[in-house]
Each structure stands twice: as structure tokens, then as C-alpha cells.
Amino acid sequence: MEKELILMYARQSRYTPADWHSTMHSHYFTEVLLVTEGVGELQLTDRAIPLRPGTGVVVNPYVLHTEHSSKKSPLAYLVFGVDRMRLADLQAAELDVVSFRDDHHTLGPLLDFMVQEYADRATDSAIVLNHMVTAVMTVIARDRWQMLPADSAQVPRDAQMLKDYLDAHFKEHLTLADLAFILHLDKFHLIKIFRESFGDTPMNYVLTRRLAESMTLLRTTDYAIGQIAEIADFESQSYFNQVFKAKINVSPSLYRRLAHASAHALQET
């Protein structure tokens, strides 16, 4: 990395039932969290990562995720956002999320300082924080992963406009022809810029968002699977079952049972 990284924010988050909104979301920047107390899990579209004190995760840009917390042992963590970079493996292969451990308790104090410095907004704090986040990410990544440039300013306006539209309308029936008409852009141009910017096709991104929505409904409601397929705009329950099993590796009914068992175990912790 030749460019200094840019800190977006640094804060401490703590689970409180009243204001903890556990919905799938993504960021255009990389997000890093380090658990300080409690237990929980980071939910992705295809797996869950256990969160325990000393556990850290780096979530690359545009990766759908959310956090779940135990009520008996509430989750608390230090979290910061960092622009201009993403993590890849040492062969530059794409990653969605990586886990790390702060077993030597070196990162916690540094993140505590970043949180306080960000809150105080002292003279030249932006300079201090950008140097610090560059150093912290270097410590996290060294010998395991590499930091690659991911400057959000380089995302073309058309690609961002398309993503924003898909995020708002993914539960509606959409075709490439519809998107091209609505956005007044050529459909082949849409495919090209979206893939170059986000590493996916528009319609596969829509499918990912629908699967994420269906997973949330399976975990949090008692709707029948056919109802969930309809809400998430799958053409039929059989097609929903087929796609879900192909992408998530289990059937929707088994995912629901496993998710409920995991949630029960989490609350008993």
C-alpha cells in the first residue's frame, strides 16, 4: 500500500436490546471490530463466525453481514471503518471476511486510543488517526494477508447508482432490461461497470440480497417457507429451495433449525 489509509470512524459498541438492529448490511469501506466483552456471532450470507473476547474480524467492502449478541453475556466491541483498502490473501485472491486474535493484547489499547482520539477531535487528530489506522491494519495483516487499494472514489457514478437502486428494490421483480430502462443506461454497460466495481453481476447481487433477506426471515419469524420465498421474490418455493441449498449448502428448513439452535445456545451462554 502506497497511500496512507483513511479512518472513517472509531467507536465502542455495546449490545442493548432497545437499539440493536440486527439486519444484514454492507459498507463501501472496510470495517474492523475487536470483541472486548461478551459473546455473539458475525452472520454472513453463507456462514456465522463466533465472536468472543479477543476475537477480531475484518469485513471487506460490500460484504453483507450483521452481528448477533447473547443476552446473558452481552456483546461489546471496538469498531472502526477504514477507507482505501481491502484485505486479500498473499496470492491476491478475493476475501470477504478474515478473523484474527489479539492474544497478546496489543491491539486493544491502540483501538482504545483511536476511539478516544476520534471522540475528542483534538488538533490534528485526523493526521494522528490516519497514521494509527495504517499502523493497526499493518499489524493485523502482516505475514497473513495483504492490503490492496480499494479507493471508494474510484467507483463510477453509474455503478453506485445501480447498486443503490438494487439495494432499495431487490425484492421486486427485476430484469436487466428493466434496469437499463429505469436508469437510462445500456444493459451491457451496467453488467460491465457493476462487475468491475463490485466483483459481481447485477442479477447475482440481487440473488444474494434475496437470500440474505430470506435468511433473516427464517431466523426471526415463523413464516412458512413458501411465504418467505414469496416475500423475497423467488418465483416458487421449489426454486427457492433449490437456490438456497446450492448457495448456502443446507435446505431452508434445516437452516432455520440450525439458526434457532444457535440462537438458543447463544442466549444460554
Protein backbone atom coordinates (compact mmCIF):
# COMPACT_ATOMS: atom_id res chain seq x y z
CA MET A 1 0.00 0.00 0.00
CA GLU A 2 1.47 3.31 -1.09
CA LYS A 3 -1.39 5.50 0.12
CA GLU A 4 -2.00 6.27 3.75
CA LEU A 5 -5.28 4.79 4.90
CA ILE A 6 -8.23 6.99 5.88
CA LEU A 7 -10.09 6.37 9.16
CA MET A 8 -13.85 6.72 8.70
CA TYR A 9 -14.82 6.40 12.38
CA ALA A 10 -13.76 4.67 15.61
CA ARG A 11 -16.15 3.87 18.43
CA GLN A 12 -17.21 1.34 21.04
CA SER A 13 -20.46 -0.58 20.50
CA ARG A 14 -22.33 -2.45 23.19
CA TYR A 15 -25.39 -4.66 22.88
CA THR A 16 -28.60 -3.16 24.23
CA PRO A 17 -31.91 -4.76 23.17
CA ALA A 18 -33.64 -1.40 22.66
CA ASP A 19 -31.37 -0.07 19.91
CA TRP A 20 -29.53 -3.10 18.47
CA HIS A 21 -30.85 -3.56 14.92
CA SER A 22 -29.57 -6.88 13.61
CA THR A 23 -30.17 -6.52 9.87
CA MET A 24 -27.91 -7.52 7.00
CA HIS A 25 -25.96 -4.57 5.63
CA SER A 26 -22.72 -3.67 3.90
CA HIS A 27 -20.34 -0.71 3.68
CA TYR A 28 -18.36 0.81 0.82
CA PHE A 29 -15.32 0.76 3.12
CA THR A 30 -13.63 -1.94 5.20
CA GLU A 31 -14.91 -2.42 8.76
CA VAL A 32 -12.87 -3.92 11.59
CA LEU A 33 -14.12 -4.95 15.01
CA LEU A 34 -12.40 -6.36 18.08
CA VAL A 35 -14.54 -8.00 20.76
CA THR A 36 -13.85 -6.78 24.31
CA GLU A 37 -16.70 -8.43 26.25
CA GLY A 38 -19.47 -10.96 25.87
CA VAL A 39 -20.27 -13.49 23.17
CA GLY A 40 -22.07 -13.40 19.86
CA GLU A 41 -21.56 -14.12 16.19
CA LEU A 42 -20.98 -12.32 12.93
CA GLN A 43 -23.61 -13.51 10.46
CA LEU A 44 -22.69 -13.64 6.76
CA THR A 45 -24.87 -14.86 3.93
CA ASP A 46 -23.28 -18.33 3.99
CA ARG A 47 -21.89 -18.82 7.50
CA ALA A 48 -21.58 -17.42 11.02
CA ILE A 49 -18.30 -16.54 12.75
CA PRO A 50 -18.21 -16.91 16.58
CA LEU A 51 -17.34 -13.73 18.45
CA ARG A 52 -15.57 -13.97 21.81
CA PRO A 53 -13.31 -11.59 23.79
CA GLY A 54 -10.06 -11.14 21.88
CA THR A 55 -11.64 -12.13 18.56
CA GLY A 56 -11.32 -9.68 15.70
CA VAL A 57 -12.84 -9.63 12.23
CA VAL A 58 -12.11 -7.59 9.12
CA VAL A 59 -15.11 -7.20 6.81
CA ASN A 60 -14.17 -6.15 3.29
CA PRO A 61 -16.22 -3.58 1.32
CA TYR A 62 -19.69 -4.55 0.08
CA VAL A 63 -19.85 -7.78 2.10
CA LEU A 64 -23.29 -8.37 3.63
CA HIS A 65 -23.12 -9.03 7.36
CA THR A 66 -24.73 -8.41 10.73
CA GLU A 67 -23.98 -9.12 14.39
CA HIS A 68 -25.94 -11.19 16.91
CA SER A 69 -25.38 -11.00 20.67
CA SER A 70 -26.10 -13.17 23.67
CA LYS A 71 -28.49 -11.51 26.10
CA LYS A 72 -26.91 -13.21 29.13
CA SER A 73 -23.40 -12.18 28.10
CA PRO A 74 -23.91 -9.01 26.01
CA LEU A 75 -21.51 -8.33 23.19
CA ALA A 76 -19.24 -5.28 23.30
CA TYR A 77 -16.57 -4.42 20.78
CA LEU A 78 -14.30 -1.71 19.43
CA VAL A 79 -15.03 -0.96 15.79
CA PHE A 80 -13.57 1.27 13.12
CA GLY A 81 -14.06 1.90 9.42
CA VAL A 82 -11.11 2.32 7.06
CA ASP A 83 -11.21 3.61 3.52
CA ARG A 84 -8.84 2.96 0.61
CA MET A 85 -8.05 -0.70 1.34
CA ARG A 86 -9.32 -4.26 1.39
CA LEU A 87 -7.65 -7.45 2.54
CA ALA A 88 -6.65 -10.26 0.18
CA ASP A 89 -4.70 -13.43 0.76
CA LEU A 90 -1.00 -13.45 -0.06
CA GLN A 91 -1.76 -14.53 -3.65
CA ALA A 92 -4.09 -11.52 -4.02
CA ALA A 93 -7.20 -13.73 -4.04
CA GLU A 94 -10.50 -12.12 -3.06
CA LEU A 95 -11.74 -12.45 0.53
CA ASP A 96 -14.99 -11.46 2.19
CA VAL A 97 -14.12 -11.60 5.90
CA VAL A 98 -11.00 -12.60 7.81
CA SER A 99 -10.70 -13.43 11.52
CA PHE A 100 -7.79 -12.70 13.82
CA ARG A 101 -6.95 -12.93 17.52
CA ASP A 102 -5.49 -10.28 19.81
CA ASP A 103 -3.92 -12.90 22.06
CA HIS A 104 -1.06 -10.63 23.14
CA HIS A 105 -3.43 -7.75 23.98
CA THR A 106 -1.52 -5.33 21.76
CA LEU A 107 -4.36 -4.10 19.56
CA GLY A 108 -6.91 -3.36 22.30
CA PRO A 109 -5.03 -0.39 23.81
CA LEU A 110 -4.34 1.04 20.34
CA LEU A 111 -8.02 0.86 19.43
CA ASP A 112 -8.99 2.38 22.78
CA PHE A 113 -6.72 5.31 21.98
CA MET A 114 -8.23 5.65 18.49
CA VAL A 115 -11.76 5.69 19.92
CA GLN A 116 -10.84 8.40 22.43
CA GLU A 117 -8.91 10.46 19.87
CA TYR A 118 -11.82 10.25 17.43
CA ALA A 119 -14.28 11.35 20.14
CA ASP A 120 -12.08 14.25 21.35
CA ARG A 121 -11.38 15.65 17.85
CA ALA A 122 -8.22 17.34 19.16
CA THR A 123 -5.91 19.43 16.99
CA ASP A 124 -4.51 17.38 14.08
CA SER A 125 -6.48 14.32 15.24
CA ALA A 126 -7.16 13.32 11.61
CA ILE A 127 -3.41 13.12 10.96
CA VAL A 128 -2.86 11.07 14.12
CA LEU A 129 -5.76 8.74 13.38
CA ASN A 130 -4.81 8.10 9.76
CA HIS A 131 -1.26 7.20 10.81
CA MET A 132 -2.61 4.98 13.57
CA VAL A 133 -5.14 3.10 11.42
CA THR A 134 -2.41 2.46 8.84
CA ALA A 135 -0.19 1.00 11.58
CA VAL A 136 -3.02 -1.07 13.12
CA MET A 137 -4.02 -2.58 9.78
CA THR A 138 -0.37 -3.37 9.04
CA VAL A 139 -0.10 -5.24 12.36
CA ILE A 140 -3.32 -7.18 11.64
CA ALA A 141 -2.36 -8.08 8.08
CA ARG A 142 1.37 -8.78 8.26
CA ASP A 143 2.54 -12.28 7.35
CA ARG A 144 -1.06 -13.44 6.77
CA TRP A 145 -2.82 -11.17 4.30
CA GLN A 146 -2.01 -8.21 2.12
CA MET A 147 -3.67 -4.82 1.91
CA LEU A 148 -4.77 -3.87 -1.57
CA PRO A 149 -6.05 -0.46 -2.71
CA ALA A 150 -9.82 -0.05 -2.71
CA ASP A 151 -10.44 3.66 -3.18
CA SER A 152 -14.18 4.24 -2.97
CA ALA A 153 -13.77 7.39 -5.04
CA GLN A 154 -12.95 5.18 -7.99
CA VAL A 155 -16.41 3.56 -8.04
CA PRO A 156 -18.13 5.01 -11.14
CA ARG A 157 -21.28 7.02 -10.55
CA ASP A 158 -23.32 4.66 -12.76
CA ALA A 159 -22.19 1.60 -10.77
CA GLN A 160 -23.03 3.22 -7.43
CA MET A 161 -26.39 4.40 -8.75
CA LEU A 162 -27.20 0.86 -9.88
CA LYS A 163 -26.17 -0.65 -6.53
CA ASP A 164 -28.27 1.89 -4.62
CA TYR A 165 -31.29 1.03 -6.79
CA LEU A 166 -30.78 -2.73 -6.30
CA ASP A 167 -30.45 -2.29 -2.53
CA ALA A 168 -33.78 -0.44 -2.47
CA HIS A 169 -35.68 -2.72 -4.88
CA PHE A 170 -34.11 -6.20 -4.66
CA LYS A 171 -37.43 -7.75 -3.50
CA GLU A 172 -39.16 -6.62 -6.68
CA HIS A 173 -39.19 -8.47 -9.99
CA LEU A 174 -36.20 -7.07 -11.92
CA THR A 175 -34.58 -7.84 -15.24
CA LEU A 176 -31.54 -6.28 -16.87
CA ALA A 177 -33.84 -4.75 -19.46
CA ASP A 178 -35.90 -3.15 -16.65
CA LEU A 179 -32.77 -1.75 -15.01
CA ALA A 180 -31.44 -0.39 -18.28
CA PHE A 181 -34.78 1.33 -18.95
CA ILE A 182 -35.14 2.75 -15.42
CA LEU A 183 -31.56 4.05 -15.23
CA HIS A 184 -31.36 5.09 -18.91
CA LEU A 185 -28.20 3.05 -19.44
CA ASP A 186 -27.20 0.24 -21.77
CA LYS A 187 -27.59 -3.17 -20.08
CA PHE A 188 -24.17 -4.38 -21.23
CA HIS A 189 -22.65 -1.21 -19.76
CA LEU A 190 -24.45 -1.97 -16.48
CA ILE A 191 -23.05 -5.50 -16.34
CA LYS A 192 -19.50 -4.31 -17.10
CA ILE A 193 -19.29 -1.43 -14.62
CA PHE A 194 -21.01 -3.40 -11.83
CA ARG A 195 -18.66 -6.36 -12.20
CA GLU A 196 -15.60 -4.08 -12.36
CA SER A 197 -16.71 -2.13 -9.27
CA PHE A 198 -18.17 -4.85 -7.04
CA GLY A 199 -16.90 -8.14 -8.47
CA ASP A 200 -20.37 -9.46 -9.24
CA THR A 201 -23.14 -9.21 -11.82
CA PRO A 202 -26.22 -7.12 -11.01
CA MET A 203 -28.58 -10.10 -11.09
CA ASN A 204 -26.35 -12.28 -8.92
CA TYR A 205 -26.13 -9.40 -6.44
CA VAL A 206 -29.93 -9.29 -6.39
CA LEU A 207 -29.98 -13.04 -5.70
CA THR A 208 -27.51 -12.56 -2.83
CA ARG A 209 -29.67 -9.84 -1.30
CA ARG A 210 -32.79 -12.02 -1.61
CA LEU A 211 -31.02 -14.93 0.05
CA ALA A 212 -29.84 -12.64 2.86
CA GLU A 213 -33.42 -11.40 3.35
CA SER A 214 -34.78 -14.94 3.39
CA MET A 215 -32.14 -15.98 5.96
CA THR A 216 -33.20 -13.11 8.22
CA LEU A 217 -36.85 -14.16 7.91
CA LEU A 218 -36.01 -17.81 8.60
CA ARG A 219 -34.15 -16.78 11.77
CA THR A 220 -36.54 -14.16 13.10
CA THR A 221 -40.09 -15.14 12.02
CA ASP A 222 -42.34 -18.19 11.97
CA TYR A 223 -43.48 -17.56 8.39
CA ALA A 224 -43.90 -20.67 6.29
CA ILE A 225 -41.07 -21.30 3.85
CA GLY A 226 -43.43 -20.69 0.93
CA GLN A 227 -44.32 -17.27 2.38
CA ILE A 228 -40.65 -16.39 2.76
CA ALA A 229 -39.96 -17.43 -0.84
CA GLU A 230 -42.76 -15.11 -1.95
CA ILE A 231 -41.64 -12.18 0.23
CA ALA A 232 -38.08 -12.44 -1.12
CA ASP A 233 -39.47 -12.63 -4.68
CA PHE A 234 -38.41 -16.13 -5.62
CA GLU A 235 -40.59 -17.44 -8.42
CA SER A 236 -41.61 -20.57 -6.49
CA GLN A 237 -40.89 -22.42 -3.27
CA SER A 238 -39.16 -25.22 -5.17
CA TYR A 239 -36.87 -22.74 -6.93
CA PHE A 240 -36.16 -21.06 -3.59
CA ASN A 241 -35.27 -24.41 -2.01
CA GLN A 242 -33.03 -25.26 -4.97
CA VAL A 243 -31.14 -21.95 -4.96
CA PHE A 244 -30.88 -21.81 -1.16
CA LYS A 245 -29.37 -25.29 -0.92
CA ALA A 246 -26.96 -24.59 -3.81
CA LYS A 247 -25.70 -21.33 -2.26
CA ILE A 248 -25.96 -21.99 1.50
CA ASN A 249 -25.33 -25.78 1.39
CA VAL A 250 -28.35 -26.64 3.52
CA SER A 251 -32.10 -26.53 2.91
CA PRO A 252 -34.14 -23.56 4.23
CA SER A 253 -35.83 -25.79 6.83
CA LEU A 254 -32.53 -27.14 8.11
CA TYR A 255 -31.04 -23.63 8.14
CA ARG A 256 -33.98 -22.48 10.29
CA ARG A 257 -33.47 -25.35 12.76
CA LEU A 258 -29.72 -24.71 12.96
CA ALA A 259 -30.22 -20.95 13.33
CA HIS A 260 -32.76 -21.44 16.15
CA ALA A 261 -30.44 -23.90 17.89
CA SER A 262 -27.52 -21.47 17.54
CA ALA A 263 -29.63 -18.58 18.85
CA HIS A 264 -30.79 -20.68 21.82
CA ALA A 265 -27.21 -21.68 22.61
CA LEU A 266 -26.12 -18.05 22.32
CA GLN A 267 -28.78 -16.89 24.75
CA GLU A 268 -27.86 -19.66 27.20
CA THR A 269 -24.20 -18.56 27.19
